[in-house]
C-alpha atoms as a PDB file:
ATOM      1  CA  MET A   1       0.000   0.000   0.000  1.00  0.00           C
ATOM      2  CA  ALA A   2       2.839   2.428   0.867  1.00  0.00           C
ATOM      3  CA  ALA A   3       4.506   1.727  -2.475  1.00  0.00           C
ATOM      4  CA  THR A   4       1.294   2.580  -4.298  1.00  0.00           C
ATOM      5  CA  MET A   5       0.941   5.860  -2.413  1.00  0.00           C
ATOM      6  CA  ALA A   6       4.531   6.847  -3.244  1.00  0.00           C
ATOM      7  CA  ALA A   7       3.952   6.109  -6.902  1.00  0.00           C
ATOM      8  CA  MET A   8       0.843   8.282  -6.923  1.00  0.00           C
ATOM      9  CA  LYS A   9       2.709  11.272  -5.464  1.00  0.00           C
ATOM     10  CA  GLY A  10       5.278  11.206  -8.314  1.00  0.00           C
ATOM     11  CA  PRO A  11       5.441  13.854 -11.030  1.00  0.00           C
ATOM     12  CA  VAL A  12       2.172  14.636 -12.728  1.00  0.00           C
ATOM     13  CA  ALA A  13       2.035  13.364 -16.286  1.00  0.00           C
ATOM     14  CA  VAL A  14       2.455  16.082 -18.857  1.00  0.00           C
ATOM     15  CA  GLU A  15      -0.632  16.225 -20.981  1.00  0.00           C
ATOM     16  CA  ASP A  16      -0.137  15.921 -24.708  1.00  0.00           C
ATOM     17  CA  VAL A  17      -0.852  19.200 -26.429  1.00  0.00           C
ATOM     18  CA  ASN A  18      -0.901  19.233 -30.183  1.00  0.00           C
ATOM     19  CA  VAL A  19       1.430  21.933 -31.537  1.00  0.00           C
ATOM     20  CA  THR A  20      -0.021  23.369 -34.721  1.00  0.00           C
ATOM     21  CA  PHE A  21       1.892  25.230 -37.411  1.00  0.00           C
ATOM     22  CA  GLU A  22       0.414  28.508 -36.124  1.00  0.00           C
ATOM     23  CA  ASP A  23       1.592  27.687 -32.600  1.00  0.00           C
ATOM     24  CA  GLN A  24       5.094  26.991 -33.880  1.00  0.00           C
ATOM     25  CA  GLN A  25       5.059  30.304 -35.753  1.00  0.00           C
ATOM     26  CA  LYS A  26       4.089  32.108 -32.528  1.00  0.00           C
ATOM     27  CA  ILE A  27       6.856  30.340 -30.591  1.00  0.00           C
ATOM     28  CA  ASN A  28       9.392  31.259 -33.279  1.00  0.00           C
ATOM     29  CA  LYS A  29       8.194  34.870 -33.309  1.00  0.00           C
ATOM     30  CA  PHE A  30       8.528  34.961 -29.524  1.00  0.00           C
ATOM     31  CA  ALA A  31      12.088  33.634 -29.718  1.00  0.00           C
ATOM     32  CA  ARG A  32      13.099  36.100 -32.459  1.00  0.00           C
ATOM     33  CA  ASN A  33      11.627  39.050 -30.571  1.00  0.00           C
ATOM     34  CA  THR A  34      13.255  37.992 -27.305  1.00  0.00           C
ATOM     35  CA  SER A  35      16.612  37.777 -29.044  1.00  0.00           C
ATOM     36  CA  ARG A  36      16.125  41.141 -30.728  1.00  0.00           C
ATOM     37  CA  MET A  37      15.099  42.763 -27.460  1.00  0.00           C
ATOM     38  CA  THR A  38      18.280  41.478 -25.795  1.00  0.00           C
ATOM     39  CA  GLU A  39      20.366  42.924 -28.639  1.00  0.00           C
ATOM     40  CA  LEU A  40      18.590  46.271 -28.354  1.00  0.00           C
ATOM     41  CA  LYS A  41      19.095  46.389 -24.581  1.00  0.00           C
ATOM     42  CA  ASN A  42      22.823  45.737 -25.068  1.00  0.00           C
ATOM     43  CA  GLU A  43      22.960  48.489 -27.683  1.00  0.00           C
ATOM     44  CA  ILE A  44      21.156  50.889 -25.324  1.00  0.00           C
ATOM     45  CA  GLU A  45      23.645  50.069 -22.579  1.00  0.00           C
ATOM     46  CA  ALA A  46      26.595  50.774 -24.895  1.00  0.00           C
ATOM     47  CA  LYS A  47      25.078  54.075 -26.022  1.00  0.00           C
ATOM     48  CA  LYS A  48      24.419  55.109 -22.418  1.00  0.00           C
ATOM     49  CA  LYS A  49      28.055  54.363 -21.607  1.00  0.00           C
ATOM     50  CA  SER A  50      29.151  56.530 -24.564  1.00  0.00           C
ATOM     51  CA  LEU A  51      26.778  59.236 -23.386  1.00  0.00           C
ATOM     52  CA  GLN A  52      28.351  59.137 -19.927  1.00  0.00           C
ATOM     53  CA  ASN A  53      31.814  59.395 -21.510  1.00  0.00           C
ATOM     54  CA  LEU A  54      30.707  62.466 -23.459  1.00  0.00           C
ATOM     55  CA  GLN A  55      29.295  63.996 -20.289  1.00  0.00           C
ATOM     56  CA  ASP A  56      32.568  63.331 -18.456  1.00  0.00           C
ATOM     57  CA  ALA A  57      34.547  64.912 -21.302  1.00  0.00           C
ATOM     58  CA  SER A  58      32.246  67.925 -21.258  1.00  0.00           C
ATOM     59  CA  ASP A  59      32.691  68.298 -17.492  1.00  0.00           C
ATOM     60  CA  ASP A  60      36.474  68.021 -17.797  1.00  0.00           C
ATOM     61  CA  LEU A  61      36.464  70.598 -20.578  1.00  0.00           C
ATOM     62  CA  MET A  62      34.665  73.116 -18.362  1.00  0.00           C
ATOM     63  CA  MET A  63      37.531  72.953 -15.875  1.00  0.00           C
ATOM     64  CA  PHE A  64      40.003  74.455 -18.342  1.00  0.00           C
ATOM     65  CA  ASP A  65      40.727  78.149 -17.748  1.00  0.00           C
ATOM     66  CA  ASP A  66      42.676  78.839 -20.935  1.00  0.00           C
ATOM     67  CA  ASP A  67      40.194  79.735 -23.729  1.00  0.00           C
ATOM     68  CA  ALA A  68      43.021  79.969 -26.277  1.00  0.00           C
ATOM     69  CA  LEU A  69      43.895  76.303 -25.763  1.00  0.00           C
ATOM     70  CA  LEU A  70      43.057  74.076 -28.756  1.00  0.00           C
ATOM     71  CA  ILE A  71      41.295  70.859 -27.788  1.00  0.00           C
ATOM     72  CA  PRO A  72      41.771  67.734 -29.948  1.00  0.00           C
ATOM     73  CA  TYR A  73      38.401  66.219 -30.928  1.00  0.00           C
ATOM     74  CA  GLN A  74      38.218  62.806 -32.578  1.00  0.00           C
ATOM     75  CA  ILE A  75      36.228  62.530 -35.778  1.00  0.00           C
ATOM     76  CA  GLY A  76      36.499  59.003 -37.124  1.00  0.00           C
ATOM     77  CA  ASP A  77      40.177  58.041 -36.945  1.00  0.00           C
ATOM     78  CA  VAL A  78      41.454  61.625 -36.985  1.00  0.00           C
ATOM     79  CA  PHE A  79      41.877  64.173 -34.195  1.00  0.00           C
ATOM     80  CA  ILE A  80      41.082  67.759 -35.161  1.00  0.00           C
ATOM     81  CA  SER A  81      41.944  70.656 -32.862  1.00  0.00           C
ATOM     82  CA  HIS A  82      39.167  73.108 -32.009  1.00  0.00           C
ATOM     83  CA  THR A  83      38.698  75.918 -29.561  1.00  0.00           C
ATOM     84  CA  GLN A  84      37.173  75.083 -26.207  1.00  0.00           C
ATOM     85  CA  GLU A  85      33.833  76.619 -27.230  1.00  0.00           C
ATOM     86  CA  GLU A  86      33.674  74.710 -30.526  1.00  0.00           C
ATOM     87  CA  THR A  87      34.593  71.464 -28.802  1.00  0.00           C
ATOM     88  CA  GLN A  88      31.914  72.044 -26.158  1.00  0.00           C
ATOM     89  CA  GLU A  89      29.315  72.612 -28.907  1.00  0.00           C
ATOM     90  CA  MET A  90      30.416  69.442 -30.706  1.00  0.00           C
ATOM     91  CA  LEU A  91      30.147  67.451 -27.476  1.00  0.00           C
ATOM     92  CA  GLU A  92      26.646  68.814 -26.826  1.00  0.00           C
ATOM     93  CA  ALA A  93      25.565  67.919 -30.380  1.00  0.00           C
ATOM     94  CA  ALA A  94      26.978  64.403 -30.001  1.00  0.00           C
ATOM     95  CA  LYS A  95      25.184  63.990 -26.647  1.00  0.00           C
ATOM     96  CA  GLU A  96      21.855  65.135 -28.128  1.00  0.00           C
ATOM     97  CA  LYS A  97      22.245  62.703 -31.026  1.00  0.00           C
ATOM     98  CA  LEU A  98      23.017  59.811 -28.669  1.00  0.00           C
ATOM     99  CA  GLU A  99      20.077  60.712 -26.405  1.00  0.00           C
ATOM    100  CA  GLN A 100      17.743  60.625 -29.415  1.00  0.00           C
ATOM    101  CA  GLU A 101      19.152  57.247 -30.481  1.00  0.00           C
ATOM    102  CA  VAL A 102      18.686  55.842 -26.970  1.00  0.00           C
ATOM    103  CA  LYS A 103      15.115  57.146 -26.871  1.00  0.00           C
ATOM    104  CA  ALA A 104      14.352  55.525 -30.249  1.00  0.00           C
ATOM    105  CA  LEU A 105      15.862  52.204 -29.142  1.00  0.00           C
ATOM    106  CA  GLU A 106      13.883  52.294 -25.896  1.00  0.00           C
ATOM    107  CA  GLY A 107      10.730  52.850 -27.949  1.00  0.00           C
ATOM    108  CA  ARG A 108      11.541  49.773 -30.034  1.00  0.00           C
ATOM    109  CA  VAL A 109      12.162  47.726 -26.876  1.00  0.00           C
ATOM    110  CA  SER A 110       8.806  48.868 -25.497  1.00  0.00           C
ATOM    111  CA  ALA A 111       7.035  47.823 -28.709  1.00  0.00           C
ATOM    112  CA  ILE A 112       8.720  44.418 -28.630  1.00  0.00           C
ATOM    113  CA  GLN A 113       7.750  43.971 -24.966  1.00  0.00           C
ATOM    114  CA  GLN A 114       4.124  44.600 -25.940  1.00  0.00           C
ATOM    115  CA  VAL A 115       4.319  41.946 -28.688  1.00  0.00           C
ATOM    116  CA  LEU A 116       5.984  39.491 -26.296  1.00  0.00           C
ATOM    117  CA  GLY A 117       3.296  40.118 -23.683  1.00  0.00           C
ATOM    118  CA  ASP A 118       0.551  39.352 -26.203  1.00  0.00           C
ATOM    119  CA  LEU A 119       2.329  36.195 -27.376  1.00  0.00           C
ATOM    120  CA  LYS A 120       2.853  35.021 -23.786  1.00  0.00           C
ATOM    121  CA  VAL A 121      -0.863  35.322 -23.073  1.00  0.00           C
ATOM    122  CA  GLN A 122      -1.747  33.316 -26.193  1.00  0.00           C
ATOM    123  CA  LEU A 123       0.895  30.625 -25.692  1.00  0.00           C
ATOM    124  CA  TYR A 124       0.322  30.164 -21.952  1.00  0.00           C
ATOM    125  CA  ALA A 125      -3.436  29.970 -22.616  1.00  0.00           C
ATOM    126  CA  LYS A 126      -2.880  27.021 -24.935  1.00  0.00           C
ATOM    127  CA  PHE A 127       0.120  25.261 -23.364  1.00  0.00           C
ATOM    128  CA  GLY A 128      -0.120  26.244 -19.692  1.00  0.00           C
ATOM    129  CA  ASN A 129       2.810  24.902 -17.680  1.00  0.00           C
ATOM    130  CA  ASN A 130       4.040  22.819 -20.627  1.00  0.00           C
ATOM    131  CA  ILE A 131       5.900  25.819 -22.048  1.00  0.00           C
ATOM    132  CA  ASN A 132       8.468  28.090 -20.439  1.00  0.00           C
ATOM    133  CA  LEU A 133       8.603  31.601 -21.882  1.00  0.00           C
ATOM    134  CA  GLU A 134      10.569  33.230 -19.080  1.00  0.00           C
ATOM    135  CA  ALA A 135      14.087  34.438 -19.787  1.00  0.00           C
ATOM    136  CA  ASP A 136      16.939  32.580 -18.116  1.00  0.00           C
ATOM    137  CA  GLU A 137      18.820  34.998 -15.845  1.00  0.00           C
ATOM    138  CA  SER A 138      22.235  33.419 -16.207  1.00  0.00           C
END
């Protein structure tokens, strides 16, 4: 009797759920969007780091007292010397451009999160606990 009780408390059998072509398409779309969202988040992080570097350079530039000093500014692979005021303006323009890019990327991430949320609802409704759509935090 004890052996029968132990056998009954084992893992619950996974019910067979038929995966249709449409379901597979949804799963694939979910995977593609998850991957794309991860790439976008990494890109946002890199741009925010560049933005912080520009801010640090701008702060350091403000500490200079000598207005006649020419500041080297990198454009591509070349450094071009500019006045402190010109360099400050170029840094501000670069920061604004990066901020706009970050904002656009965050908008794309938000749109993808909405799509993923909709797909999760549909896939969990059909497959329940038989499917794992949560990201691995490793």
